[in-house]
Amino acid sequence: MKIIVDMMGGDNAPLAVLEGAAAAVKEYGVQLIGVGDEALVRKTAADNNISLDGIELVNCTEAIEMCDEPARAIRTKKDSSIVVGLNMLKEDKGDAFVSAGSTGALHVGASLIVRTLRGVKRPALATMVPAKNKAYLLLDCGANVECRPEMLAAFAVMGSCYVNKVEGRTSPSVALANNGAEESKGTPMLREAHQLLKTIPGIRFVGNIEPRDVPNGDVDVVVCDGFTGNVILKLTEGVAKMLLGMLKGMFLKNLGGKLAYLLLRDSVSDLKHQMDSEEYGGAPFLGAKQPVIKAHGSSKAKGIKNAIRQAKICVENDLCGTMQSALDELNTAKE
């Protein structure tokens, strides 16, 4: 198995990407192809005593910046690490692609270069979100701001396949994010999507879920348009950061708080670990013909390593092939 890694993507590239890649080679036994500025990558590795064993380097002369317009960047920056990496994936020179670079460029590139599965208009950005009972998969969380009911139906099928194959959950539950639990709630599009989701074979649709219930983690997959998903994701991250900060303030306020922390230190550590998004590594573009994983732009070494682990699991379980079979069943049922 060979996984292509964008060495230039993210706020902490190339050092954090190199550290995560080297750790992934050692821990998971994967072969990596690093695409980017080869001279810079080799110098960074040498300066920080990072082994390049198991990492083949492919030189690129350009990089797509976060401020670049995605479609134009994909068209014009042909020798950027994202475009070169995605073309290598398309040409079967690697089995998956991992990048912490521009989300927009990756979305456009996954659609135009790697292409999409039959029955998928545009890939959906999906991410595992920490929750009270168990983490859930949220999609779309930012790639497609406006969606039609049939797009949400495809998201539900792909999300169910992902949670089953990657997270190992049998018969995962799927819910539609809405402003009420009743079938009659929501916009006309959401009401139509609800009726469509009830008819899809092969998924366990449990109805609407209200935003206040999403953080409980009572369902495995939450389906929504990209605007709603991005709001849910960022609000969840903000609230988690705020609560952890308030908790820290309580413990540091006085001697009693410090003593309480000593008693609860293990529980607090478990909570921080549970809420750490880097444990999940990245967000896959579900619907691309081959695995494309978007690591968080601020990822450190652990986030990159876990994104590579996620890519490895996708390849091992033939996630894209499984999703294509499920989507074909959906299209047959529609006909």
C-alpha atoms as a PDB file:
ATOM      1  CA  MET A   1       0.000   0.000   0.000  1.00  0.00           C
ATOM      2  CA  LYS A   2       1.256   3.471  -0.898  1.00  0.00           C
ATOM      3  CA  ILE A   3      -0.281   6.629   0.540  1.00  0.00           C
ATOM      4  CA  ILE A   4       0.462  10.001  -1.052  1.00  0.00           C
ATOM      5  CA  VAL A   5       1.025  12.819   1.459  1.00  0.00           C
ATOM      6  CA  ASP A   6       1.005  16.557   0.720  1.00  0.00           C
ATOM      7  CA  MET A   7       4.169  17.795   2.447  1.00  0.00           C
ATOM      8  CA  MET A   8       3.330  21.475   1.930  1.00  0.00           C
ATOM      9  CA  GLY A   9      -0.245  21.550   3.269  1.00  0.00           C
ATOM     10  CA  GLY A  10      -1.216  23.052   6.618  1.00  0.00           C
ATOM     11  CA  ASP A  11      -0.060  25.728   9.040  1.00  0.00           C
ATOM     12  CA  ASN A  12       2.790  23.608  10.408  1.00  0.00           C
ATOM     13  CA  ALA A  13       4.175  22.182   7.147  1.00  0.00           C
ATOM     14  CA  PRO A  14       6.551  20.701   6.358  1.00  0.00           C
ATOM     15  CA  LEU A  15       7.852  19.879   9.866  1.00  0.00           C
ATOM     16  CA  ALA A  16       4.617  18.556  11.402  1.00  0.00           C
ATOM     17  CA  VAL A  17       3.804  16.631   8.211  1.00  0.00           C
ATOM     18  CA  LEU A  18       7.250  15.041   8.223  1.00  0.00           C
ATOM     19  CA  GLU A  19       6.997  14.100  11.901  1.00  0.00           C
ATOM     20  CA  GLY A  20       3.546  12.588  11.413  1.00  0.00           C
ATOM     21  CA  ALA A  21       4.579  10.769   8.239  1.00  0.00           C
ATOM     22  CA  ALA A  22       7.668   9.266   9.872  1.00  0.00           C
ATOM     23  CA  ALA A  23       5.585   8.130  12.855  1.00  0.00           C
ATOM     24  CA  ALA A  24       3.008   6.548  10.517  1.00  0.00           C
ATOM     25  CA  VAL A  25       5.693   4.602   8.641  1.00  0.00           C
ATOM     26  CA  LYS A  26       7.053   3.264  11.925  1.00  0.00           C
ATOM     27  CA  GLU A  27       3.699   2.504  13.569  1.00  0.00           C
ATOM     28  CA  TYR A  28       1.530   1.374  10.652  1.00  0.00           C
ATOM     29  CA  GLY A  29       4.128  -0.054   8.264  1.00  0.00           C
ATOM     30  CA  VAL A  30       2.838   1.946   5.290  1.00  0.00           C
ATOM     31  CA  GLN A  31       4.842   3.245   2.358  1.00  0.00           C
ATOM     32  CA  LEU A  32       4.458   6.958   1.728  1.00  0.00           C
ATOM     33  CA  ILE A  33       5.011   9.243  -1.250  1.00  0.00           C
ATOM     34  CA  GLY A  34       5.635  12.808  -0.126  1.00  0.00           C
ATOM     35  CA  VAL A  35       4.860  15.521  -2.689  1.00  0.00           C
ATOM     36  CA  GLY A  36       6.245  19.016  -2.249  1.00  0.00           C
ATOM     37  CA  ASP A  37       9.424  21.095  -2.274  1.00  0.00           C
ATOM     38  CA  GLU A  38      11.948  18.238  -2.078  1.00  0.00           C
ATOM     39  CA  ALA A  39      14.926  20.403  -1.110  1.00  0.00           C
ATOM     40  CA  LEU A  40      12.978  22.028   1.743  1.00  0.00           C
ATOM     41  CA  VAL A  41      11.593  18.696   2.928  1.00  0.00           C
ATOM     42  CA  ARG A  42      15.048  17.068   2.968  1.00  0.00           C
ATOM     43  CA  LYS A  43      16.576  20.049   4.791  1.00  0.00           C
ATOM     44  CA  THR A  44      13.767  20.041   7.378  1.00  0.00           C
ATOM     45  CA  ALA A  45      14.216  16.303   7.913  1.00  0.00           C
ATOM     46  CA  ALA A  46      17.991  16.685   8.326  1.00  0.00           C
ATOM     47  CA  ASP A  47      17.709  19.690  10.661  1.00  0.00           C
ATOM     48  CA  ASN A  48      15.252  17.838  12.921  1.00  0.00           C
ATOM     49  CA  ASN A  49      16.794  14.360  12.705  1.00  0.00           C
ATOM     50  CA  ILE A  50      13.688  12.848  11.062  1.00  0.00           C
ATOM     51  CA  SER A  51      14.176   9.605   9.140  1.00  0.00           C
ATOM     52  CA  LEU A  52      12.957   9.491   5.538  1.00  0.00           C
ATOM     53  CA  ASP A  53      12.942   5.696   5.492  1.00  0.00           C
ATOM     54  CA  GLY A  54       9.753   4.494   3.811  1.00  0.00           C
ATOM     55  CA  ILE A  55       9.046   7.954   2.367  1.00  0.00           C
ATOM     56  CA  GLU A  56       9.626   8.515  -1.354  1.00  0.00           C
ATOM     57  CA  LEU A  57       9.804  12.191  -2.320  1.00  0.00           C
ATOM     58  CA  VAL A  58       8.380  13.760  -5.492  1.00  0.00           C
ATOM     59  CA  ASN A  59       9.447  17.346  -6.156  1.00  0.00           C
ATOM     60  CA  CYS A  60       6.870  20.097  -6.807  1.00  0.00           C
ATOM     61  CA  THR A  61       7.688  23.688  -7.679  1.00  0.00           C
ATOM     62  CA  GLU A  62       4.386  25.269  -6.609  1.00  0.00           C
ATOM     63  CA  ALA A  63       2.072  25.303  -3.613  1.00  0.00           C
ATOM     64  CA  ILE A  64      -1.599  26.257  -3.313  1.00  0.00           C
ATOM     65  CA  GLU A  65      -2.098  28.859  -0.603  1.00  0.00           C
ATOM     66  CA  MET A  66      -5.166  29.134   1.632  1.00  0.00           C
ATOM     67  CA  CYS A  67      -5.962  32.519   0.045  1.00  0.00           C
ATOM     68  CA  ASP A  68      -5.955  31.151  -3.532  1.00  0.00           C
ATOM     69  CA  GLU A  69      -9.291  30.805  -5.333  1.00  0.00           C
ATOM     70  CA  PRO A  70      -9.737  26.997  -5.402  1.00  0.00           C
ATOM     71  CA  ALA A  71     -10.883  26.384  -8.989  1.00  0.00           C
ATOM     72  CA  ARG A  72      -8.343  28.794 -10.465  1.00  0.00           C
ATOM     73  CA  ALA A  73      -5.535  27.323  -8.349  1.00  0.00           C
ATOM     74  CA  ILE A  74      -6.333  23.778  -9.515  1.00  0.00           C
ATOM     75  CA  ARG A  75      -6.336  24.956 -13.158  1.00  0.00           C
ATOM     76  CA  THR A  76      -3.216  27.109 -13.059  1.00  0.00           C
ATOM     77  CA  LYS A  77      -0.907  25.593 -10.429  1.00  0.00           C
ATOM     78  CA  LYS A  78      -0.319  22.308 -12.237  1.00  0.00           C
ATOM     79  CA  ASP A  79       2.924  21.604 -10.364  1.00  0.00           C
ATOM     80  CA  SER A  80       1.501  22.242  -6.888  1.00  0.00           C
ATOM     81  CA  SER A  81       1.631  19.484  -4.286  1.00  0.00           C
ATOM     82  CA  ILE A  82      -2.177  19.110  -4.264  1.00  0.00           C
ATOM     83  CA  VAL A  83      -2.555  18.836  -8.058  1.00  0.00           C
ATOM     84  CA  VAL A  84       0.444  16.546  -8.471  1.00  0.00           C
ATOM     85  CA  GLY A  85      -0.704  14.340  -5.590  1.00  0.00           C
ATOM     86  CA  LEU A  86      -4.269  14.041  -6.873  1.00  0.00           C
ATOM     87  CA  ASN A  87      -3.038  13.245 -10.401  1.00  0.00           C
ATOM     88  CA  MET A  88      -0.811  10.524  -8.984  1.00  0.00           C
ATOM     89  CA  LEU A  89      -3.815   9.100  -7.163  1.00  0.00           C
ATOM     90  CA  LYS A  90      -5.860   9.173 -10.369  1.00  0.00           C
ATOM     91  CA  GLU A  91      -3.056   7.374 -12.211  1.00  0.00           C
ATOM     92  CA  ASP A  92      -2.961   4.647  -9.505  1.00  0.00           C
ATOM     93  CA  LYS A  93       0.543   5.596  -8.388  1.00  0.00           C
ATOM     94  CA  GLY A  94      -0.829   5.615  -4.853  1.00  0.00           C
ATOM     95  CA  ASP A  95      -3.846   4.235  -3.028  1.00  0.00           C
ATOM     96  CA  ALA A  96      -4.966   7.346  -1.098  1.00  0.00           C
ATOM     97  CA  PHE A  97      -4.105  11.034  -0.720  1.00  0.00           C
ATOM     98  CA  VAL A  98      -3.707  12.952   2.558  1.00  0.00           C
ATOM     99  CA  SER A  99      -3.405  16.737   2.803  1.00  0.00           C
ATOM    100  CA  ALA A 100      -3.815  19.467   5.417  1.00  0.00           C
ATOM    101  CA  GLY A 101      -3.966  22.074   2.655  1.00  0.00           C
ATOM    102  CA  SER A 102      -6.785  24.176   1.200  1.00  0.00           C
ATOM    103  CA  THR A 103     -10.180  22.516   1.726  1.00  0.00           C
ATOM    104  CA  GLY A 104     -11.630  24.276  -1.311  1.00  0.00           C
ATOM    105  CA  ALA A 105      -8.803  23.200  -3.598  1.00  0.00           C
ATOM    106  CA  LEU A 106      -9.052  19.607  -2.364  1.00  0.00           C
ATOM    107  CA  HIS A 107     -12.815  19.594  -2.967  1.00  0.00           C
ATOM    108  CA  VAL A 108     -12.429  20.944  -6.513  1.00  0.00           C
ATOM    109  CA  GLY A 109      -9.474  18.646  -7.204  1.00  0.00           C
ATOM    110  CA  ALA A 110     -11.260  15.556  -5.887  1.00  0.00           C
ATOM    111  CA  SER A 111     -14.202  16.350  -8.194  1.00  0.00           C
ATOM    112  CA  LEU A 112     -12.282  17.335 -11.340  1.00  0.00           C
ATOM    113  CA  ILE A 113      -9.148  15.177 -11.129  1.00  0.00           C
ATOM    114  CA  VAL A 114      -9.971  12.061  -9.121  1.00  0.00           C
ATOM    115  CA  ARG A 115     -13.653  12.243 -10.170  1.00  0.00           C
ATOM    116  CA  THR A 116     -16.673  11.024  -8.252  1.00  0.00           C
ATOM    117  CA  LEU A 117     -18.477   7.727  -7.807  1.00  0.00           C
ATOM    118  CA  ARG A 118     -21.545   7.000  -9.939  1.00  0.00           C
ATOM    119  CA  GLY A 119     -24.570   8.700  -8.412  1.00  0.00           C
ATOM    120  CA  VAL A 120     -22.560  11.395  -6.621  1.00  0.00           C
ATOM    121  CA  LYS A 121     -22.756  14.984  -7.857  1.00  0.00           C
ATOM    122  CA  ARG A 122     -20.075  16.390  -5.564  1.00  0.00           C
ATOM    123  CA  PRO A 123     -18.049  14.803  -2.727  1.00  0.00           C
ATOM    124  CA  ALA A 124     -19.131  15.538   0.836  1.00  0.00           C
ATOM    125  CA  LEU A 125     -16.661  16.544   3.532  1.00  0.00           C
ATOM    126  CA  ALA A 126     -17.237  14.234   6.499  1.00  0.00           C
ATOM    127  CA  THR A 127     -15.666  14.316   9.949  1.00  0.00           C
ATOM    128  CA  MET A 128     -15.924  12.359  13.171  1.00  0.00           C
ATOM    129  CA  VAL A 129     -17.054  14.701  15.951  1.00  0.00           C
ATOM    130  CA  PRO A 130     -16.462  13.912  19.660  1.00  0.00           C
ATOM    131  CA  ALA A 131     -19.700  13.568  21.634  1.00  0.00           C
ATOM    132  CA  LYS A 132     -21.028  12.487  25.041  1.00  0.00           C
ATOM    133  CA  ASN A 133     -21.820   8.833  24.325  1.00  0.00           C
ATOM    134  CA  LYS A 134     -19.743   8.193  21.200  1.00  0.00           C
ATOM    135  CA  ALA A 135     -18.290  10.179  18.327  1.00  0.00           C
ATOM    136  CA  TYR A 136     -20.568  10.622  15.325  1.00  0.00           C
ATOM    137  CA  LEU A 137     -19.909  11.249  11.637  1.00  0.00           C
ATOM    138  CA  LEU A 138     -21.088  14.663  10.435  1.00  0.00           C
ATOM    139  CA  LEU A 139     -21.577  15.262   6.714  1.00  0.00           C
ATOM    140  CA  ASP A 140     -21.556  17.500   4.851  1.00  0.00           C
ATOM    141  CA  CYS A 141     -19.550  19.804   7.113  1.00  0.00           C
ATOM    142  CA  GLY A 142     -18.587  22.509   4.641  1.00  0.00           C
ATOM    143  CA  ALA A 143     -18.035  21.369   1.061  1.00  0.00           C
ATOM    144  CA  ASN A 144     -21.560  21.817  -0.373  1.00  0.00           C
ATOM    145  CA  VAL A 145     -23.398  24.801   1.080  1.00  0.00           C
ATOM    146  CA  GLU A 146     -26.660  24.064  -0.744  1.00  0.00           C
ATOM    147  CA  CYS A 147     -27.903  20.519  -1.265  1.00  0.00           C
ATOM    148  CA  ARG A 148     -30.822  18.814  -2.955  1.00  0.00           C
ATOM    149  CA  PRO A 149     -32.685  15.909  -1.310  1.00  0.00           C
ATOM    150  CA  GLU A 150     -30.982  13.326  -3.528  1.00  0.00           C
ATOM    151  CA  MET A 151     -27.576  14.666  -2.464  1.00  0.00           C
ATOM    152  CA  LEU A 152     -28.484  14.189   1.195  1.00  0.00           C
ATOM    153  CA  ALA A 153     -29.639  10.669   0.368  1.00  0.00           C
ATOM    154  CA  ALA A 154     -26.239   9.896  -1.175  1.00  0.00           C
ATOM    155  CA  PHE A 155     -24.524  11.406   1.893  1.00  0.00           C
ATOM    156  CA  ALA A 156     -26.555   9.097   4.138  1.00  0.00           C
ATOM    157  CA  VAL A 157     -25.519   6.005   2.165  1.00  0.00           C
ATOM    158  CA  MET A 158     -21.838   6.978   2.090  1.00  0.00           C
ATOM    159  CA  GLY A 159     -21.797   7.997   5.750  1.00  0.00           C
ATOM    160  CA  SER A 160     -23.335   4.693   6.796  1.00  0.00           C
ATOM    161  CA  CYS A 161     -20.708   2.789   4.781  1.00  0.00           C
ATOM    162  CA  TYR A 162     -17.880   4.840   6.287  1.00  0.00           C
ATOM    163  CA  VAL A 163     -18.929   4.320   9.910  1.00  0.00           C
ATOM    164  CA  ASN A 164     -19.371   0.623   9.248  1.00  0.00           C
ATOM    165  CA  LYS A 165     -16.050   0.076   7.457  1.00  0.00           C
ATOM    166  CA  VAL A 166     -13.751   2.554   9.220  1.00  0.00           C
ATOM    167  CA  GLU A 167     -15.248   2.764  12.717  1.00  0.00           C
ATOM    168  CA  GLY A 168     -16.389  -0.862  12.787  1.00  0.00           C
ATOM    169  CA  ARG A 169     -20.001  -0.182  13.826  1.00  0.00           C
ATOM    170  CA  THR A 170     -22.608  -2.607  12.546  1.00  0.00           C
ATOM    171  CA  SER A 171     -25.943  -1.222  11.301  1.00  0.00           C
ATOM    172  CA  PRO A 172     -25.083   2.412  12.102  1.00  0.00           C
ATOM    173  CA  SER A 173     -27.978   4.780  12.761  1.00  0.00           C
ATOM    174  CA  VAL A 174     -28.486   7.750  10.422  1.00  0.00           C
ATOM    175  CA  ALA A 175     -30.346  10.967  11.304  1.00  0.00           C
ATOM    176  CA  LEU A 176     -31.202  14.152   9.410  1.00  0.00           C
ATOM    177  CA  ALA A 177     -30.306  17.423  11.154  1.00  0.00           C
ATOM    178  CA  ASN A 178     -33.459  19.533  11.427  1.00  0.00           C
ATOM    179  CA  ASN A 179     -35.156  22.079  13.677  1.00  0.00           C
ATOM    180  CA  GLY A 180     -37.591  19.489  15.023  1.00  0.00           C
ATOM    181  CA  ALA A 181     -38.012  15.750  15.358  1.00  0.00           C
ATOM    182  CA  GLU A 182     -41.369  15.596  13.558  1.00  0.00           C
ATOM    183  CA  GLU A 183     -41.500  14.707   9.846  1.00  0.00           C
ATOM    184  CA  SER A 184     -43.390  17.932   9.143  1.00  0.00           C
ATOM    185  CA  LYS A 185     -40.565  20.156  10.435  1.00  0.00           C
ATOM    186  CA  GLY A 186     -38.016  22.029   8.354  1.00  0.00           C
ATOM    187  CA  THR A 187     -37.808  23.572   4.918  1.00  0.00           C
ATOM    188  CA  PRO A 188     -39.505  21.962   1.900  1.00  0.00           C
ATOM    189  CA  MET A 189     -36.122  20.501   0.912  1.00  0.00           C
ATOM    190  CA  LEU A 190     -35.632  18.893   4.331  1.00  0.00           C
ATOM    191  CA  ARG A 191     -39.171  17.499   4.383  1.00  0.00           C
ATOM    192  CA  GLU A 192     -38.608  15.967   0.950  1.00  0.00           C
ATOM    193  CA  ALA A 193     -35.227  14.608   2.036  1.00  0.00           C
ATOM    194  CA  HIS A 194     -36.831  13.001   5.105  1.00  0.00           C
ATOM    195  CA  GLN A 195     -39.342  11.134   2.953  1.00  0.00           C
ATOM    196  CA  LEU A 196     -36.576  10.013   0.579  1.00  0.00           C
ATOM    197  CA  LEU A 197     -34.312   8.802   3.400  1.00  0.00           C
ATOM    198  CA  LYS A 198     -37.116   6.609   4.742  1.00  0.00           C
ATOM    199  CA  THR A 199     -37.118   4.626   1.500  1.00  0.00           C
ATOM    200  CA  ILE A 200     -33.373   3.983   1.107  1.00  0.00           C
ATOM    201  CA  PRO A 201     -32.414   0.305   1.312  1.00  0.00           C
ATOM    202  CA  GLY A 202     -29.420  -0.702   3.388  1.00  0.00           C
ATOM    203  CA  ILE A 203     -29.346   2.166   5.904  1.00  0.00           C
ATOM    204  CA  ARG A 204     -30.971   2.499   9.327  1.00  0.00           C
ATOM    205  CA  PHE A 205     -32.644   5.902   9.151  1.00  0.00           C
ATOM    206  CA  VAL A 206     -33.965   6.992  12.560  1.00  0.00           C
ATOM    207  CA  GLY A 207     -35.577  10.295  11.533  1.00  0.00           C
ATOM    208  CA  ASN A 208     -34.778  13.917  12.304  1.00  0.00           C
ATOM    209  CA  ILE A 209     -32.410  15.015  15.047  1.00  0.00           C
ATOM    210  CA  GLU A 210     -32.500  18.440  16.691  1.00  0.00           C
ATOM    211  CA  PRO A 211     -29.234  20.354  17.157  1.00  0.00           C
ATOM    212  CA  ARG A 212     -29.535  20.188  20.966  1.00  0.00           C
ATOM    213  CA  ASP A 213     -29.458  16.374  20.766  1.00  0.00           C
ATOM    214  CA  VAL A 214     -26.562  16.080  18.315  1.00  0.00           C
ATOM    215  CA  PRO A 215     -23.776  16.453  20.976  1.00  0.00           C
ATOM    216  CA  ASN A 216     -25.130  13.462  22.906  1.00  0.00           C
ATOM    217  CA  GLY A 217     -23.817  11.098  20.244  1.00  0.00           C
ATOM    218  CA  ASP A 218     -27.020   9.046  20.236  1.00  0.00           C
ATOM    219  CA  VAL A 219     -26.744   8.431  16.466  1.00  0.00           C
ATOM    220  CA  ASP A 220     -23.800   7.324  14.348  1.00  0.00           C
ATOM    221  CA  VAL A 221     -24.291   9.579  11.306  1.00  0.00           C
ATOM    222  CA  VAL A 222     -25.748  13.100  11.124  1.00  0.00           C
ATOM    223  CA  VAL A 223     -26.646  14.226   7.587  1.00  0.00           C
ATOM    224  CA  CYS A 224     -27.073  17.886   6.588  1.00  0.00           C
ATOM    225  CA  ASP A 225     -26.095  20.482   3.989  1.00  0.00           C
ATOM    226  CA  GLY A 226     -22.601  21.968   4.171  1.00  0.00           C
ATOM    227  CA  PHE A 227     -23.714  25.287   5.688  1.00  0.00           C
ATOM    228  CA  THR A 228     -25.570  23.638   8.570  1.00  0.00           C
ATOM    229  CA  GLY A 229     -22.800  21.104   9.100  1.00  0.00           C
ATOM    230  CA  ASN A 230     -20.108  23.754   9.254  1.00  0.00           C
ATOM    231  CA  VAL A 231     -22.112  25.711  11.841  1.00  0.00           C
ATOM    232  CA  ILE A 232     -22.627  22.558  13.948  1.00  0.00           C
ATOM    233  CA  LEU A 233     -18.922  21.675  13.723  1.00  0.00           C
ATOM    234  CA  LYS A 234     -17.572  25.130  14.584  1.00  0.00           C
ATOM    235  CA  LEU A 235     -20.097  25.709  17.360  1.00  0.00           C
ATOM    236  CA  THR A 236     -19.200  22.325  18.865  1.00  0.00           C
ATOM    237  CA  GLU A 237     -15.483  23.121  18.717  1.00  0.00           C
ATOM    238  CA  GLY A 238     -16.072  26.551  20.259  1.00  0.00           C
ATOM    239  CA  VAL A 239     -18.242  25.279  23.111  1.00  0.00           C
ATOM    240  CA  ALA A 240     -15.795  22.452  23.889  1.00  0.00           C
ATOM    241  CA  LYS A 241     -12.879  24.904  24.003  1.00  0.00           C
ATOM    242  CA  MET A 242     -14.863  27.287  26.198  1.00  0.00           C
ATOM    243  CA  LEU A 243     -15.921  24.579  28.688  1.00  0.00           C
ATOM    244  CA  LEU A 244     -12.420  23.138  28.953  1.00  0.00           C
ATOM    245  CA  GLY A 245     -11.088  26.660  29.545  1.00  0.00           C
ATOM    246  CA  MET A 246     -13.698  27.308  32.248  1.00  0.00           C
ATOM    247  CA  LEU A 247     -12.854  23.980  33.875  1.00  0.00           C
ATOM    248  CA  LYS A 248      -9.169  24.873  33.913  1.00  0.00           C
ATOM    249  CA  GLY A 249     -10.001  28.248  35.441  1.00  0.00           C
ATOM    250  CA  MET A 250     -12.019  26.587  38.215  1.00  0.00           C
ATOM    251  CA  PHE A 251      -9.130  24.283  39.116  1.00  0.00           C
ATOM    252  CA  LEU A 252      -6.568  27.109  39.171  1.00  0.00           C
ATOM    253  CA  LYS A 253      -8.752  29.580  41.068  1.00  0.00           C
ATOM    254  CA  ASN A 254      -7.716  28.603  44.580  1.00  0.00           C
ATOM    255  CA  LEU A 255      -6.116  25.897  46.698  1.00  0.00           C
ATOM    256  CA  GLY A 256      -9.370  23.927  46.895  1.00  0.00           C
ATOM    257  CA  GLY A 257      -9.576  23.833  43.120  1.00  0.00           C
ATOM    258  CA  LYS A 258      -5.994  22.621  42.817  1.00  0.00           C
ATOM    259  CA  LEU A 259      -6.662  19.854  45.335  1.00  0.00           C
ATOM    260  CA  ALA A 260      -9.815  18.890  43.420  1.00  0.00           C
ATOM    261  CA  TYR A 261      -7.761  18.684  40.218  1.00  0.00           C
ATOM    262  CA  LEU A 262      -5.348  16.255  41.855  1.00  0.00           C
ATOM    263  CA  LEU A 263      -8.286  14.000  42.684  1.00  0.00           C
ATOM    264  CA  LEU A 264      -9.847  14.317  39.215  1.00  0.00           C
ATOM    265  CA  ARG A 265      -6.677  14.490  37.124  1.00  0.00           C
ATOM    266  CA  ASP A 266      -7.226  11.151  35.362  1.00  0.00           C
ATOM    267  CA  SER A 267     -10.863  11.992  34.548  1.00  0.00           C
ATOM    268  CA  VAL A 268      -9.892  15.417  33.202  1.00  0.00           C
ATOM    269  CA  SER A 269      -7.184  13.819  31.081  1.00  0.00           C
ATOM    270  CA  ASP A 270      -9.699  11.327  29.672  1.00  0.00           C
ATOM    271  CA  LEU A 271     -12.082  14.196  28.839  1.00  0.00           C
ATOM    272  CA  LYS A 272      -9.380  16.161  27.006  1.00  0.00           C
ATOM    273  CA  HIS A 273      -8.412  13.022  25.095  1.00  0.00           C
ATOM    274  CA  GLN A 274     -12.068  12.394  24.164  1.00  0.00           C
ATOM    275  CA  MET A 275     -12.495  15.950  22.859  1.00  0.00           C
ATOM    276  CA  ASP A 276      -9.216  15.981  20.885  1.00  0.00           C
ATOM    277  CA  SER A 277     -10.077  16.188  17.174  1.00  0.00           C
ATOM    278  CA  GLU A 278      -6.544  15.086  16.236  1.00  0.00           C
ATOM    279  CA  GLU A 279      -7.380  11.596  17.488  1.00  0.00           C
ATOM    280  CA  TYR A 280      -9.515  11.140  14.346  1.00  0.00           C
ATOM    281  CA  GLY A 281      -6.912  12.664  12.054  1.00  0.00           C
ATOM    282  CA  GLY A 282      -8.926  14.060   9.199  1.00  0.00           C
ATOM    283  CA  ALA A 283     -12.100  14.413   7.208  1.00  0.00           C
ATOM    284  CA  PRO A 284     -12.573  12.223   4.116  1.00  0.00           C
ATOM    285  CA  PHE A 285     -14.157  13.554   0.936  1.00  0.00           C
ATOM    286  CA  LEU A 286     -16.808  10.860   0.652  1.00  0.00           C
ATOM    287  CA  GLY A 287     -17.882  10.350  -2.943  1.00  0.00           C
ATOM    288  CA  ALA A 288     -14.457  10.633  -4.545  1.00  0.00           C
ATOM    289  CA  LYS A 289     -13.481   7.544  -6.567  1.00  0.00           C
ATOM    290  CA  GLN A 290     -10.406   7.022  -4.384  1.00  0.00           C
ATOM    291  CA  PRO A 291      -9.722   7.994  -0.741  1.00  0.00           C
ATOM    292  CA  VAL A 292      -8.929  11.693  -0.286  1.00  0.00           C
ATOM    293  CA  ILE A 293      -8.402  12.696   3.367  1.00  0.00           C
ATOM    294  CA  LYS A 294      -8.371  16.328   4.540  1.00  0.00           C
ATOM    295  CA  ALA A 295      -6.375  16.796   7.738  1.00  0.00           C
ATOM    296  CA  HIS A 296      -7.078  19.896   9.834  1.00  0.00           C
ATOM    297  CA  GLY A 297      -5.081  22.922   8.690  1.00  0.00           C
ATOM    298  CA  SER A 298      -3.596  23.326  12.169  1.00  0.00           C
ATOM    299  CA  SER A 299      -2.700  19.633  12.480  1.00  0.00           C
ATOM    300  CA  LYS A 300       0.406  18.713  14.395  1.00  0.00           C
ATOM    301  CA  ALA A 301       2.271  15.432  13.986  1.00  0.00           C
ATOM    302  CA  LYS A 302      -0.393  13.358  15.762  1.00  0.00           C
ATOM    303  CA  GLY A 303      -3.143  14.663  13.485  1.00  0.00           C
ATOM    304  CA  ILE A 304      -1.145  13.878  10.338  1.00  0.00           C
ATOM    305  CA  LYS A 305      -0.258  10.402  11.613  1.00  0.00           C
ATOM    306  CA  ASN A 306      -3.897   9.621  12.376  1.00  0.00           C
ATOM    307  CA  ALA A 307      -5.022  10.986   9.000  1.00  0.00           C
ATOM    308  CA  ILE A 308      -2.633   8.508   7.373  1.00  0.00           C
ATOM    309  CA  ARG A 309      -4.052   5.759   9.598  1.00  0.00           C
ATOM    310  CA  GLN A 310      -7.534   6.735   8.436  1.00  0.00           C
ATOM    311  CA  ALA A 311      -6.434   6.529   4.787  1.00  0.00           C
ATOM    312  CA  LYS A 312      -4.905   3.106   5.421  1.00  0.00           C
ATOM    313  CA  ILE A 313      -8.175   1.777   6.902  1.00  0.00           C
ATOM    314  CA  CYS A 314     -10.166   3.169   3.956  1.00  0.00           C
ATOM    315  CA  VAL A 315      -7.925   1.342   1.492  1.00  0.00           C
ATOM    316  CA  GLU A 316      -7.821  -1.908   3.457  1.00  0.00           C
ATOM    317  CA  ASN A 317     -11.621  -2.031   3.672  1.00  0.00           C
ATOM    318  CA  ASP A 318     -12.210  -0.981   0.036  1.00  0.00           C
ATOM    319  CA  LEU A 319     -14.384   1.865   1.298  1.00  0.00           C
ATOM    320  CA  CYS A 320     -14.888   3.442  -2.137  1.00  0.00           C
ATOM    321  CA  GLY A 321     -15.890   0.111  -3.691  1.00  0.00           C
ATOM    322  CA  THR A 322     -18.363  -0.557  -0.874  1.00  0.00           C
ATOM    323  CA  MET A 323     -19.874   2.913  -1.255  1.00  0.00           C
ATOM    324  CA  GLN A 324     -20.217   2.457  -5.019  1.00  0.00           C
ATOM    325  CA  SER A 325     -22.125  -0.803  -4.522  1.00  0.00           C
ATOM    326  CA  ALA A 326     -24.446   0.863  -1.992  1.00  0.00           C
ATOM    327  CA  LEU A 327     -25.021   3.861  -4.278  1.00  0.00           C
ATOM    328  CA  ASP A 328     -25.822   1.542  -7.190  1.00  0.00           C
ATOM    329  CA  GLU A 329     -28.484  -0.108  -5.005  1.00  0.00           C
ATOM    330  CA  LEU A 330     -29.885   3.335  -4.196  1.00  0.00           C
ATOM    331  CA  ASN A 331     -30.049   4.296  -7.876  1.00  0.00           C
ATOM    332  CA  THR A 332     -31.697   0.962  -8.743  1.00  0.00           C
ATOM    333  CA  ALA A 333     -34.299   1.518  -6.044  1.00  0.00           C
ATOM    334  CA  LYS A 334     -35.046   5.002  -7.440  1.00  0.00           C
ATOM    335  CA  GLU A 335     -35.568   3.590 -10.932  1.00  0.00           C
END
